[in-house]
Amino acid sequence: MMHFNKLPYLVALLVVLVGCTTSNTLAPASSEAILEDNTEAMKNRAAIMAFYEKALTVNSETRPTEVLSPVLAEGYTSSSSTDSKGAEQLMGQLEFFWKLIPDLKWDPQEIMNEGDVYIVRSIATGTPNGDFMGLPTDGTKSFKIMTIDMHTMKDGMFISTHHVEDWATAMGQLRPTVSPVDQSDETMKVAMAFMDSMGKGDMETMVSLMHDDMVWHNEGDKSMPWIGPWSGKKVILEEFMPLFGENFKTLEWETQDAISTGDTATFFGRMVGQTTKSGQQTKEFTWALRVKVKDEKIILWNWLEDSYEVSKSYHASE
């Protein structure tokens, strides 16, 4: 049996391993480069926190323009899915927001970084008092929404920002809550105003009370040219109304009952008319009307009448 001394073998193996390790180790980055990278990252993060805590969030110590002027680079752009603005426009918008939303707060929840790009997820809250994106507000309702911003930074300066805010949710939170009783009253008010303007021939008021997507649906004998659904404000004004005016003249009109529930109002009454094709007058007949209101405008005008009596008059000369 052969024997050997293990110690010289282990020493030799260790020397080989150390030699291999030393020859394949990369030189470490210089301390100056690491310090430079850390310094820029700190500047970028300091600018980002100032952006949210001192410019987007209302406070008593600063103003948006004061905070952002030194950190928005020349040629800076802020873009969303609908528009793009420069530094001056952004600062002007924030100054306006401070007046409109005195408790505006933009609270960063997460900050993620990849090179020069910083992505910030925030929660924005506030209580507007005034015209907020076309919606009247009175300082009694607040919003709370999520926002996402992607900033490109360089040495503590903002080069560009892409942003998304959930303003649709904010508008829903701020929109006044209408009780069923109030909605019914408003529906009746709009429907009555439309009928009154029709009776007076007040086209300006009629047009102002018509929804762009309004449908005017007359039931009856389809051989009469004005019968059938007419969809869209433009079609109703340019096609239906002239056609109806040429073919039928209202001689007597009376509303006898009116009921409204939510966004729908119903009316019942009596009338007498004359068709111009035959020149013959109808007998007195009853009618019913279903009206729907949306955004304080008429979206549906569903007219039901004694179509037999009207058809008999229309075809009398045939």
C-alpha atoms as a PDB file:
ATOM      1  CA  MET A   1       0.000   0.000   0.000  1.00  0.00           C
ATOM      2  CA  MET A   2       1.298   3.472  -0.921  1.00  0.00           C
ATOM      3  CA  HIS A   3       1.132   6.488   1.428  1.00  0.00           C
ATOM      4  CA  PHE A   4       1.726  10.233   0.798  1.00  0.00           C
ATOM      5  CA  ASN A   5       1.951  13.385   2.883  1.00  0.00           C
ATOM      6  CA  LYS A   6      -1.256  15.430   2.378  1.00  0.00           C
ATOM      7  CA  LEU A   7       0.086  18.794   3.597  1.00  0.00           C
ATOM      8  CA  PRO A   8       2.307  19.671   0.608  1.00  0.00           C
ATOM      9  CA  TYR A   9      -0.617  18.791  -1.722  1.00  0.00           C
ATOM     10  CA  LEU A  10      -3.098  21.080   0.076  1.00  0.00           C
ATOM     11  CA  VAL A  11      -0.611  23.967   0.128  1.00  0.00           C
ATOM     12  CA  ALA A  12      -0.034  23.591  -3.609  1.00  0.00           C
ATOM     13  CA  LEU A  13      -3.785  23.515  -4.321  1.00  0.00           C
ATOM     14  CA  LEU A  14      -4.354  26.679  -2.245  1.00  0.00           C
ATOM     15  CA  VAL A  15      -1.601  28.505  -4.147  1.00  0.00           C
ATOM     16  CA  VAL A  16      -3.234  27.570  -7.476  1.00  0.00           C
ATOM     17  CA  LEU A  17      -6.715  28.721  -6.357  1.00  0.00           C
ATOM     18  CA  VAL A  18      -5.459  32.031  -5.003  1.00  0.00           C
ATOM     19  CA  GLY A  19      -3.530  32.644  -8.158  1.00  0.00           C
ATOM     20  CA  CYS A  20      -6.614  31.975 -10.311  1.00  0.00           C
ATOM     21  CA  THR A  21      -8.821  34.206  -8.184  1.00  0.00           C
ATOM     22  CA  THR A  22      -6.402  37.089  -8.311  1.00  0.00           C
ATOM     23  CA  SER A  23      -5.984  36.932 -12.075  1.00  0.00           C
ATOM     24  CA  ASN A  24      -9.781  37.002 -12.755  1.00  0.00           C
ATOM     25  CA  THR A  25     -10.927  39.672 -10.275  1.00  0.00           C
ATOM     26  CA  LEU A  26     -12.251  42.938 -11.886  1.00  0.00           C
ATOM     27  CA  ALA A  27     -10.800  46.183 -10.625  1.00  0.00           C
ATOM     28  CA  PRO A  28     -13.269  47.933  -8.309  1.00  0.00           C
ATOM     29  CA  ALA A  29     -14.913  51.234  -9.377  1.00  0.00           C
ATOM     30  CA  SER A  30     -13.086  54.270  -8.138  1.00  0.00           C
ATOM     31  CA  SER A  31     -14.388  55.894  -4.970  1.00  0.00           C
ATOM     32  CA  GLU A  32     -14.756  59.159  -6.917  1.00  0.00           C
ATOM     33  CA  ALA A  33     -17.168  57.544  -9.456  1.00  0.00           C
ATOM     34  CA  ILE A  34     -19.275  55.975  -6.708  1.00  0.00           C
ATOM     35  CA  LEU A  35     -19.442  59.267  -4.845  1.00  0.00           C
ATOM     36  CA  GLU A  36     -20.425  61.112  -8.023  1.00  0.00           C
ATOM     37  CA  ASP A  37     -23.259  58.648  -8.741  1.00  0.00           C
ATOM     38  CA  ASN A  38     -24.536  58.853  -5.178  1.00  0.00           C
ATOM     39  CA  THR A  39     -24.397  62.654  -5.207  1.00  0.00           C
ATOM     40  CA  GLU A  40     -26.476  62.906  -8.397  1.00  0.00           C
ATOM     41  CA  ALA A  41     -29.029  60.387  -7.091  1.00  0.00           C
ATOM     42  CA  MET A  42     -29.365  62.397  -3.885  1.00  0.00           C
ATOM     43  CA  LYS A  43     -29.875  65.614  -5.887  1.00  0.00           C
ATOM     44  CA  ASN A  44     -32.519  63.941  -8.059  1.00  0.00           C
ATOM     45  CA  ARG A  45     -34.437  62.569  -5.082  1.00  0.00           C
ATOM     46  CA  ALA A  46     -34.239  65.907  -3.246  1.00  0.00           C
ATOM     47  CA  ALA A  47     -35.685  67.667  -6.308  1.00  0.00           C
ATOM     48  CA  ILE A  48     -38.459  65.061  -6.608  1.00  0.00           C
ATOM     49  CA  MET A  49     -39.483  65.409  -2.948  1.00  0.00           C
ATOM     50  CA  ALA A  50     -39.518  69.206  -3.281  1.00  0.00           C
ATOM     51  CA  PHE A  51     -41.695  68.829  -6.412  1.00  0.00           C
ATOM     52  CA  TYR A  52     -44.370  66.902  -4.493  1.00  0.00           C
ATOM     53  CA  GLU A  53     -44.092  68.339  -0.979  1.00  0.00           C
ATOM     54  CA  LYS A  54     -43.438  72.016  -1.789  1.00  0.00           C
ATOM     55  CA  ALA A  55     -44.843  72.652  -5.286  1.00  0.00           C
ATOM     56  CA  LEU A  56     -47.753  70.219  -5.743  1.00  0.00           C
ATOM     57  CA  THR A  57     -48.761  70.292  -2.068  1.00  0.00           C
ATOM     58  CA  VAL A  58     -50.124  73.599  -0.771  1.00  0.00           C
ATOM     59  CA  ASN A  59     -48.074  74.937   2.148  1.00  0.00           C
ATOM     60  CA  SER A  60     -47.357  78.240   3.879  1.00  0.00           C
ATOM     61  CA  GLU A  61     -43.595  78.271   3.241  1.00  0.00           C
ATOM     62  CA  THR A  62     -43.228  78.216  -0.557  1.00  0.00           C
ATOM     63  CA  ARG A  63     -44.907  78.805  -3.907  1.00  0.00           C
ATOM     64  CA  PRO A  64     -44.867  76.430  -6.928  1.00  0.00           C
ATOM     65  CA  THR A  65     -42.928  78.875  -9.106  1.00  0.00           C
ATOM     66  CA  GLU A  66     -40.357  79.510  -6.386  1.00  0.00           C
ATOM     67  CA  VAL A  67     -39.719  75.767  -5.942  1.00  0.00           C
ATOM     68  CA  LEU A  68     -39.770  74.663  -9.580  1.00  0.00           C
ATOM     69  CA  SER A  69     -37.930  77.493 -11.370  1.00  0.00           C
ATOM     70  CA  PRO A  70     -34.476  76.277 -10.240  1.00  0.00           C
ATOM     71  CA  VAL A  71     -35.109  72.577 -11.014  1.00  0.00           C
ATOM     72  CA  LEU A  72     -36.933  72.590 -14.379  1.00  0.00           C
ATOM     73  CA  ALA A  73     -34.352  72.329 -17.146  1.00  0.00           C
ATOM     74  CA  GLU A  74     -34.432  74.505 -20.248  1.00  0.00           C
ATOM     75  CA  GLY A  75     -36.820  72.913 -22.742  1.00  0.00           C
ATOM     76  CA  TYR A  76     -38.644  70.980 -19.992  1.00  0.00           C
ATOM     77  CA  THR A  77     -41.955  69.399 -21.049  1.00  0.00           C
ATOM     78  CA  SER A  78     -44.781  67.876 -19.034  1.00  0.00           C
ATOM     79  CA  SER A  79     -47.034  65.623 -21.112  1.00  0.00           C
ATOM     80  CA  SER A  80     -50.215  63.613 -20.555  1.00  0.00           C
ATOM     81  CA  SER A  81     -52.428  61.621 -22.900  1.00  0.00           C
ATOM     82  CA  THR A  82     -54.197  64.830 -23.976  1.00  0.00           C
ATOM     83  CA  ASP A  83     -51.693  67.696 -23.882  1.00  0.00           C
ATOM     84  CA  SER A  84     -48.131  68.887 -23.374  1.00  0.00           C
ATOM     85  CA  LYS A  85     -46.936  71.984 -21.534  1.00  0.00           C
ATOM     86  CA  GLY A  86     -43.675  73.719 -20.842  1.00  0.00           C
ATOM     87  CA  ALA A  87     -42.210  74.923 -17.550  1.00  0.00           C
ATOM     88  CA  GLU A  88     -44.047  78.276 -17.507  1.00  0.00           C
ATOM     89  CA  GLN A  89     -47.409  76.663 -18.273  1.00  0.00           C
ATOM     90  CA  LEU A  90     -46.917  73.996 -15.597  1.00  0.00           C
ATOM     91  CA  MET A  91     -46.013  76.541 -12.912  1.00  0.00           C
ATOM     92  CA  GLY A  92     -48.967  78.728 -13.913  1.00  0.00           C
ATOM     93  CA  GLN A  93     -51.325  75.759 -13.679  1.00  0.00           C
ATOM     94  CA  LEU A  94     -50.045  74.853 -10.221  1.00  0.00           C
ATOM     95  CA  GLU A  95     -50.403  78.456  -9.011  1.00  0.00           C
ATOM     96  CA  PHE A  96     -54.047  78.313 -10.185  1.00  0.00           C
ATOM     97  CA  PHE A  97     -54.585  74.937  -8.485  1.00  0.00           C
ATOM     98  CA  TRP A  98     -53.298  76.380  -5.205  1.00  0.00           C
ATOM     99  CA  LYS A  99     -56.057  79.024  -5.330  1.00  0.00           C
ATOM    100  CA  LEU A 100     -58.766  76.612  -6.480  1.00  0.00           C
ATOM    101  CA  ILE A 101     -57.813  73.757  -4.097  1.00  0.00           C
ATOM    102  CA  PRO A 102     -56.490  75.325  -0.862  1.00  0.00           C
ATOM    103  CA  ASP A 103     -55.870  71.929   0.774  1.00  0.00           C
ATOM    104  CA  LEU A 104     -54.269  70.235  -2.253  1.00  0.00           C
ATOM    105  CA  LYS A 105     -51.872  67.473  -1.204  1.00  0.00           C
ATOM    106  CA  TRP A 106     -49.710  65.182  -3.344  1.00  0.00           C
ATOM    107  CA  ASP A 107     -48.344  62.322  -1.225  1.00  0.00           C
ATOM    108  CA  PRO A 108     -45.740  60.000  -2.872  1.00  0.00           C
ATOM    109  CA  GLN A 109     -46.310  56.334  -2.041  1.00  0.00           C
ATOM    110  CA  GLU A 110     -43.534  54.711  -4.072  1.00  0.00           C
ATOM    111  CA  ILE A 111     -40.462  55.927  -5.969  1.00  0.00           C
ATOM    112  CA  MET A 112     -38.728  53.553  -8.394  1.00  0.00           C
ATOM    113  CA  ASN A 113     -35.554  54.390 -10.295  1.00  0.00           C
ATOM    114  CA  GLU A 114     -33.941  53.044 -13.471  1.00  0.00           C
ATOM    115  CA  GLY A 115     -30.966  55.118 -14.585  1.00  0.00           C
ATOM    116  CA  ASP A 116     -32.086  58.728 -15.122  1.00  0.00           C
ATOM    117  CA  VAL A 117     -35.789  57.809 -14.988  1.00  0.00           C
ATOM    118  CA  TYR A 118     -37.790  58.019 -11.744  1.00  0.00           C
ATOM    119  CA  ILE A 119     -41.346  56.662 -11.512  1.00  0.00           C
ATOM    120  CA  VAL A 120     -43.478  58.063  -8.687  1.00  0.00           C
ATOM    121  CA  ARG A 121     -46.853  56.687  -7.582  1.00  0.00           C
ATOM    122  CA  SER A 122     -48.784  59.184  -5.451  1.00  0.00           C
ATOM    123  CA  ILE A 123     -52.112  59.820  -3.784  1.00  0.00           C
ATOM    124  CA  ALA A 124     -53.575  63.257  -4.558  1.00  0.00           C
ATOM    125  CA  THR A 125     -56.327  64.763  -2.400  1.00  0.00           C
ATOM    126  CA  GLY A 126     -58.110  68.098  -2.277  1.00  0.00           C
ATOM    127  CA  THR A 127     -61.344  70.057  -1.876  1.00  0.00           C
ATOM    128  CA  PRO A 128     -61.917  72.395  -4.861  1.00  0.00           C
ATOM    129  CA  ASN A 129     -63.954  75.572  -4.496  1.00  0.00           C
ATOM    130  CA  GLY A 130     -64.821  76.971  -7.916  1.00  0.00           C
ATOM    131  CA  ASP A 131     -64.927  75.782 -11.533  1.00  0.00           C
ATOM    132  CA  PHE A 132     -62.924  72.537 -11.534  1.00  0.00           C
ATOM    133  CA  MET A 133     -62.427  71.214 -15.094  1.00  0.00           C
ATOM    134  CA  GLY A 134     -65.886  72.500 -16.041  1.00  0.00           C
ATOM    135  CA  LEU A 135     -67.597  71.165 -12.908  1.00  0.00           C
ATOM    136  CA  PRO A 136     -68.917  73.777 -10.429  1.00  0.00           C
ATOM    137  CA  THR A 137     -67.703  73.017  -6.888  1.00  0.00           C
ATOM    138  CA  ASP A 138     -68.379  74.795  -3.597  1.00  0.00           C
ATOM    139  CA  GLY A 139     -65.753  73.398  -1.238  1.00  0.00           C
ATOM    140  CA  THR A 140     -68.051  70.775   0.292  1.00  0.00           C
ATOM    141  CA  LYS A 141     -66.757  67.713  -1.579  1.00  0.00           C
ATOM    142  CA  SER A 142     -63.237  66.291  -1.803  1.00  0.00           C
ATOM    143  CA  PHE A 143     -61.402  63.954  -4.147  1.00  0.00           C
ATOM    144  CA  LYS A 144     -58.819  61.234  -3.528  1.00  0.00           C
ATOM    145  CA  ILE A 145     -57.114  59.712  -6.556  1.00  0.00           C
ATOM    146  CA  MET A 146     -53.982  57.839  -7.642  1.00  0.00           C
ATOM    147  CA  THR A 147     -51.400  59.436  -9.938  1.00  0.00           C
ATOM    148  CA  ILE A 148     -48.380  58.046 -11.803  1.00  0.00           C
ATOM    149  CA  ASP A 149     -45.478  60.246 -12.963  1.00  0.00           C
ATOM    150  CA  MET A 150     -42.357  59.314 -14.920  1.00  0.00           C
ATOM    151  CA  HIS A 151     -39.599  61.915 -14.561  1.00  0.00           C
ATOM    152  CA  THR A 152     -36.381  62.011 -16.555  1.00  0.00           C
ATOM    153  CA  MET A 153     -33.742  63.640 -14.300  1.00  0.00           C
ATOM    154  CA  LYS A 154     -30.191  64.911 -14.712  1.00  0.00           C
ATOM    155  CA  ASP A 155     -28.061  66.288 -11.877  1.00  0.00           C
ATOM    156  CA  GLY A 156     -31.081  67.364  -9.795  1.00  0.00           C
ATOM    157  CA  MET A 157     -32.955  68.869 -12.774  1.00  0.00           C
ATOM    158  CA  PHE A 158     -36.221  67.711 -14.401  1.00  0.00           C
ATOM    159  CA  ILE A 159     -35.708  67.146 -18.128  1.00  0.00           C
ATOM    160  CA  SER A 160     -39.251  65.880 -18.842  1.00  0.00           C
ATOM    161  CA  THR A 161     -42.317  64.415 -17.119  1.00  0.00           C
ATOM    162  CA  HIS A 162     -45.003  62.033 -18.376  1.00  0.00           C
ATOM    163  CA  HIS A 163     -47.996  61.910 -16.034  1.00  0.00           C
ATOM    164  CA  VAL A 164     -51.364  60.176 -15.574  1.00  0.00           C
ATOM    165  CA  GLU A 165     -54.029  61.260 -13.046  1.00  0.00           C
ATOM    166  CA  ASP A 166     -57.341  59.533 -12.411  1.00  0.00           C
ATOM    167  CA  TRP A 167     -59.398  62.713 -12.897  1.00  0.00           C
ATOM    168  CA  ALA A 168     -62.475  60.713 -13.995  1.00  0.00           C
ATOM    169  CA  THR A 169     -62.702  59.291 -10.469  1.00  0.00           C
ATOM    170  CA  ALA A 170     -62.173  62.760  -9.000  1.00  0.00           C
ATOM    171  CA  MET A 171     -65.075  64.181 -11.043  1.00  0.00           C
ATOM    172  CA  GLY A 172     -67.328  61.368  -9.859  1.00  0.00           C
ATOM    173  CA  GLN A 173     -66.400  62.072  -6.249  1.00  0.00           C
ATOM    174  CA  LEU A 174     -67.026  65.809  -6.659  1.00  0.00           C
ATOM    175  CA  ARG A 175     -70.279  65.648  -8.622  1.00  0.00           C
ATOM    176  CA  PRO A 176     -73.300  66.605  -6.477  1.00  0.00           C
ATOM    177  CA  THR A 177     -75.496  63.779  -5.253  1.00  0.00           C
ATOM    178  CA  VAL A 178     -79.067  64.350  -6.422  1.00  0.00           C
ATOM    179  CA  SER A 179     -81.884  62.842  -4.375  1.00  0.00           C
ATOM    180  CA  PRO A 180     -84.696  61.075  -6.286  1.00  0.00           C
ATOM    181  CA  VAL A 181     -87.124  63.840  -5.305  1.00  0.00           C
ATOM    182  CA  ASP A 182     -84.803  66.593  -6.515  1.00  0.00           C
ATOM    183  CA  GLN A 183     -84.123  64.701  -9.745  1.00  0.00           C
ATOM    184  CA  SER A 184     -87.839  64.245 -10.411  1.00  0.00           C
ATOM    185  CA  ASP A 185     -88.432  67.960  -9.878  1.00  0.00           C
ATOM    186  CA  GLU A 186     -85.568  68.864 -12.198  1.00  0.00           C
ATOM    187  CA  THR A 187     -86.848  66.436 -14.863  1.00  0.00           C
ATOM    188  CA  MET A 188     -90.312  67.987 -14.751  1.00  0.00           C
ATOM    189  CA  LYS A 189     -88.856  71.489 -14.856  1.00  0.00           C
ATOM    190  CA  VAL A 190     -86.814  70.750 -17.996  1.00  0.00           C
ATOM    191  CA  ALA A 191     -89.669  68.899 -19.742  1.00  0.00           C
ATOM    192  CA  MET A 192     -92.172  71.695 -18.995  1.00  0.00           C
ATOM    193  CA  ALA A 193     -89.716  74.357 -20.201  1.00  0.00           C
ATOM    194  CA  PHE A 194     -89.290  72.464 -23.485  1.00  0.00           C
ATOM    195  CA  MET A 195     -93.052  72.121 -23.982  1.00  0.00           C
ATOM    196  CA  ASP A 196     -93.581  75.780 -23.143  1.00  0.00           C
ATOM    197  CA  SER A 197     -90.933  76.875 -25.656  1.00  0.00           C
ATOM    198  CA  MET A 198     -92.589  74.676 -28.323  1.00  0.00           C
ATOM    199  CA  GLY A 199     -95.957  76.326 -27.668  1.00  0.00           C
ATOM    200  CA  LYS A 200     -94.421  79.805 -27.968  1.00  0.00           C
ATOM    201  CA  GLY A 201     -92.311  78.969 -31.005  1.00  0.00           C
ATOM    202  CA  ASP A 202     -89.192  79.879 -29.016  1.00  0.00           C
ATOM    203  CA  MET A 203     -86.614  77.957 -31.055  1.00  0.00           C
ATOM    204  CA  GLU A 204     -83.621  79.339 -29.161  1.00  0.00           C
ATOM    205  CA  THR A 205     -84.850  77.887 -25.855  1.00  0.00           C
ATOM    206  CA  MET A 206     -85.897  74.629 -27.506  1.00  0.00           C
ATOM    207  CA  VAL A 207     -82.473  74.113 -29.024  1.00  0.00           C
ATOM    208  CA  SER A 208     -80.725  74.905 -25.737  1.00  0.00           C
ATOM    209  CA  LEU A 209     -82.781  72.195 -23.974  1.00  0.00           C
ATOM    210  CA  MET A 210     -82.049  69.448 -26.531  1.00  0.00           C
ATOM    211  CA  HIS A 211     -79.318  66.905 -25.789  1.00  0.00           C
ATOM    212  CA  ASP A 212     -76.923  66.293 -28.692  1.00  0.00           C
ATOM    213  CA  ASP A 213     -77.955  62.611 -28.639  1.00  0.00           C
ATOM    214  CA  MET A 214     -81.689  63.313 -28.334  1.00  0.00           C
ATOM    215  CA  VAL A 215     -84.142  60.848 -29.925  1.00  0.00           C
ATOM    216  CA  TRP A 216     -87.573  62.047 -31.085  1.00  0.00           C
ATOM    217  CA  HIS A 217     -89.849  59.030 -31.570  1.00  0.00           C
ATOM    218  CA  ASN A 218     -93.349  59.461 -32.974  1.00  0.00           C
ATOM    219  CA  GLU A 219     -95.497  56.319 -33.056  1.00  0.00           C
ATOM    220  CA  GLY A 220     -98.176  55.777 -35.699  1.00  0.00           C
ATOM    221  CA  ASP A 221     -98.953  55.046 -39.358  1.00  0.00           C
ATOM    222  CA  LYS A 222     -95.548  54.712 -41.038  1.00  0.00           C
ATOM    223  CA  SER A 223     -96.934  55.979 -44.338  1.00  0.00           C
ATOM    224  CA  MET A 224     -97.031  59.432 -42.742  1.00  0.00           C
ATOM    225  CA  PRO A 225     -93.572  60.981 -43.368  1.00  0.00           C
ATOM    226  CA  TRP A 226     -92.890  62.269 -39.848  1.00  0.00           C
ATOM    227  CA  ILE A 227     -93.432  58.920 -38.062  1.00  0.00           C
ATOM    228  CA  GLY A 228     -90.546  56.921 -36.644  1.00  0.00           C
ATOM    229  CA  PRO A 229     -87.453  57.523 -34.532  1.00  0.00           C
ATOM    230  CA  TRP A 230     -85.290  60.539 -35.390  1.00  0.00           C
ATOM    231  CA  SER A 231     -81.888  60.319 -33.731  1.00  0.00           C
ATOM    232  CA  GLY A 232     -79.575  63.204 -32.929  1.00  0.00           C
ATOM    233  CA  LYS A 233     -80.190  66.895 -32.324  1.00  0.00           C
ATOM    234  CA  LYS A 234     -78.967  67.861 -35.803  1.00  0.00           C
ATOM    235  CA  VAL A 235     -81.275  65.380 -37.551  1.00  0.00           C
ATOM    236  CA  ILE A 236     -84.269  66.452 -35.464  1.00  0.00           C
ATOM    237  CA  LEU A 237     -83.721  70.145 -36.204  1.00  0.00           C
ATOM    238  CA  GLU A 238     -82.797  69.844 -39.877  1.00  0.00           C
ATOM    239  CA  GLU A 239     -84.981  66.942 -41.009  1.00  0.00           C
ATOM    240  CA  PHE A 240     -87.802  66.040 -38.625  1.00  0.00           C
ATOM    241  CA  MET A 241     -89.079  69.451 -37.558  1.00  0.00           C
ATOM    242  CA  PRO A 242     -89.339  70.954 -41.071  1.00  0.00           C
ATOM    243  CA  LEU A 243     -91.043  67.758 -42.298  1.00  0.00           C
ATOM    244  CA  PHE A 244     -93.517  67.706 -39.422  1.00  0.00           C
ATOM    245  CA  GLY A 245     -94.262  71.413 -39.816  1.00  0.00           C
ATOM    246  CA  GLU A 246     -95.069  70.923 -43.485  1.00  0.00           C
ATOM    247  CA  ASN A 247     -97.521  68.090 -42.801  1.00  0.00           C
ATOM    248  CA  PHE A 248     -99.324  68.791 -39.525  1.00  0.00           C
ATOM    249  CA  LYS A 249    -100.741  71.841 -37.796  1.00  0.00           C
ATOM    250  CA  THR A 250    -101.788  71.789 -34.140  1.00  0.00           C
ATOM    251  CA  LEU A 251    -105.097  73.579 -33.598  1.00  0.00           C
ATOM    252  CA  GLU A 252    -105.856  72.733 -29.957  1.00  0.00           C
ATOM    253  CA  TRP A 253    -103.585  71.382 -27.234  1.00  0.00           C
ATOM    254  CA  GLU A 254    -104.176  70.677 -23.562  1.00  0.00           C
ATOM    255  CA  THR A 255    -102.099  68.847 -20.946  1.00  0.00           C
ATOM    256  CA  GLN A 256    -104.349  67.172 -18.377  1.00  0.00           C
ATOM    257  CA  ASP A 257    -101.937  65.123 -16.218  1.00  0.00           C
ATOM    258  CA  ALA A 258     -98.177  65.118 -15.590  1.00  0.00           C
ATOM    259  CA  ILE A 259     -96.036  62.750 -13.511  1.00  0.00           C
ATOM    260  CA  SER A 260     -92.254  62.534 -13.030  1.00  0.00           C
ATOM    261  CA  THR A 261     -90.029  59.906 -11.417  1.00  0.00           C
ATOM    262  CA  GLY A 262     -86.252  60.212 -11.458  1.00  0.00           C
ATOM    263  CA  ASP A 263     -85.116  61.071 -14.992  1.00  0.00           C
ATOM    264  CA  THR A 264     -88.494  60.335 -16.620  1.00  0.00           C
ATOM    265  CA  ALA A 265     -91.604  62.486 -16.960  1.00  0.00           C
ATOM    266  CA  THR A 266     -94.952  61.432 -18.477  1.00  0.00           C
ATOM    267  CA  PHE A 267     -97.760  63.651 -19.757  1.00  0.00           C
ATOM    268  CA  PHE A 268    -101.337  62.963 -20.836  1.00  0.00           C
ATOM    269  CA  GLY A 269    -103.704  65.278 -22.675  1.00  0.00           C
ATOM    270  CA  ARG A 270    -106.027  66.036 -25.596  1.00  0.00           C
ATOM    271  CA  MET A 271    -105.567  67.825 -28.904  1.00  0.00           C
ATOM    272  CA  VAL A 272    -107.005  68.633 -32.314  1.00  0.00           C
ATOM    273  CA  GLY A 273    -104.915  68.975 -35.455  1.00  0.00           C
ATOM    274  CA  GLN A 274    -105.026  69.325 -39.221  1.00  0.00           C
ATOM    275  CA  THR A 275    -102.999  67.501 -41.875  1.00  0.00           C
ATOM    276  CA  THR A 276    -101.901  69.746 -44.736  1.00  0.00           C
ATOM    277  CA  LYS A 277    -101.979  66.952 -47.335  1.00  0.00           C
ATOM    278  CA  SER A 278    -105.789  66.663 -47.139  1.00  0.00           C
ATOM    279  CA  GLY A 279    -106.560  69.896 -45.352  1.00  0.00           C
ATOM    280  CA  GLN A 280    -108.865  67.893 -43.112  1.00  0.00           C
ATOM    281  CA  GLN A 281    -109.149  68.534 -39.395  1.00  0.00           C
ATOM    282  CA  THR A 282    -108.971  65.639 -36.946  1.00  0.00           C
ATOM    283  CA  LYS A 283    -111.509  64.999 -34.260  1.00  0.00           C
ATOM    284  CA  GLU A 284    -110.340  65.580 -30.709  1.00  0.00           C
ATOM    285  CA  PHE A 285    -108.016  62.757 -29.638  1.00  0.00           C
ATOM    286  CA  THR A 286    -105.903  61.852 -26.634  1.00  0.00           C
ATOM    287  CA  TRP A 287    -102.126  61.695 -26.501  1.00  0.00           C
ATOM    288  CA  ALA A 288     -99.393  60.485 -24.147  1.00  0.00           C
ATOM    289  CA  LEU A 289     -95.774  61.562 -23.920  1.00  0.00           C
ATOM    290  CA  ARG A 290     -92.724  59.969 -22.288  1.00  0.00           C
ATOM    291  CA  VAL A 291     -89.756  62.292 -21.717  1.00  0.00           C
ATOM    292  CA  LYS A 292     -86.285  61.405 -20.441  1.00  0.00           C
ATOM    293  CA  VAL A 293     -83.808  64.010 -19.210  1.00  0.00           C
ATOM    294  CA  LYS A 294     -80.019  63.693 -19.055  1.00  0.00           C
ATOM    295  CA  ASP A 295     -77.586  66.409 -17.933  1.00  0.00           C
ATOM    296  CA  GLU A 296     -80.554  68.827 -17.665  1.00  0.00           C
ATOM    297  CA  LYS A 297     -81.443  68.333 -21.342  1.00  0.00           C
ATOM    298  CA  ILE A 298     -84.071  66.297 -23.224  1.00  0.00           C
ATOM    299  CA  ILE A 299     -82.569  62.991 -24.423  1.00  0.00           C
ATOM    300  CA  LEU A 300     -85.834  61.218 -25.351  1.00  0.00           C
ATOM    301  CA  TRP A 301     -89.167  62.606 -26.600  1.00  0.00           C
ATOM    302  CA  ASN A 302     -91.458  59.599 -27.116  1.00  0.00           C
ATOM    303  CA  TRP A 303     -94.809  60.766 -28.493  1.00  0.00           C
ATOM    304  CA  LEU A 304     -97.862  58.463 -28.553  1.00  0.00           C
ATOM    305  CA  GLU A 305    -101.226  59.596 -29.947  1.00  0.00           C
ATOM    306  CA  ASP A 306    -104.447  58.279 -31.455  1.00  0.00           C
ATOM    307  CA  SER A 307    -102.613  57.460 -34.667  1.00  0.00           C
ATOM    308  CA  TYR A 308    -105.785  56.128 -36.321  1.00  0.00           C
ATOM    309  CA  GLU A 309    -107.494  59.518 -36.098  1.00  0.00           C
ATOM    310  CA  VAL A 310    -104.419  61.345 -37.448  1.00  0.00           C
ATOM    311  CA  SER A 311    -103.912  58.754 -40.231  1.00  0.00           C
ATOM    312  CA  LYS A 312    -107.566  58.999 -41.266  1.00  0.00           C
ATOM    313  CA  SER A 313    -107.177  62.764 -41.657  1.00  0.00           C
ATOM    314  CA  TYR A 314    -103.880  62.435 -43.552  1.00  0.00           C
ATOM    315  CA  HIS A 315    -105.285  59.944 -46.103  1.00  0.00           C
ATOM    316  CA  ALA A 316    -108.715  61.598 -46.443  1.00  0.00           C
ATOM    317  CA  SER A 317    -107.950  62.991 -49.896  1.00  0.00           C
ATOM    318  CA  GLU A 318    -106.809  59.676 -51.364  1.00  0.00           C
END
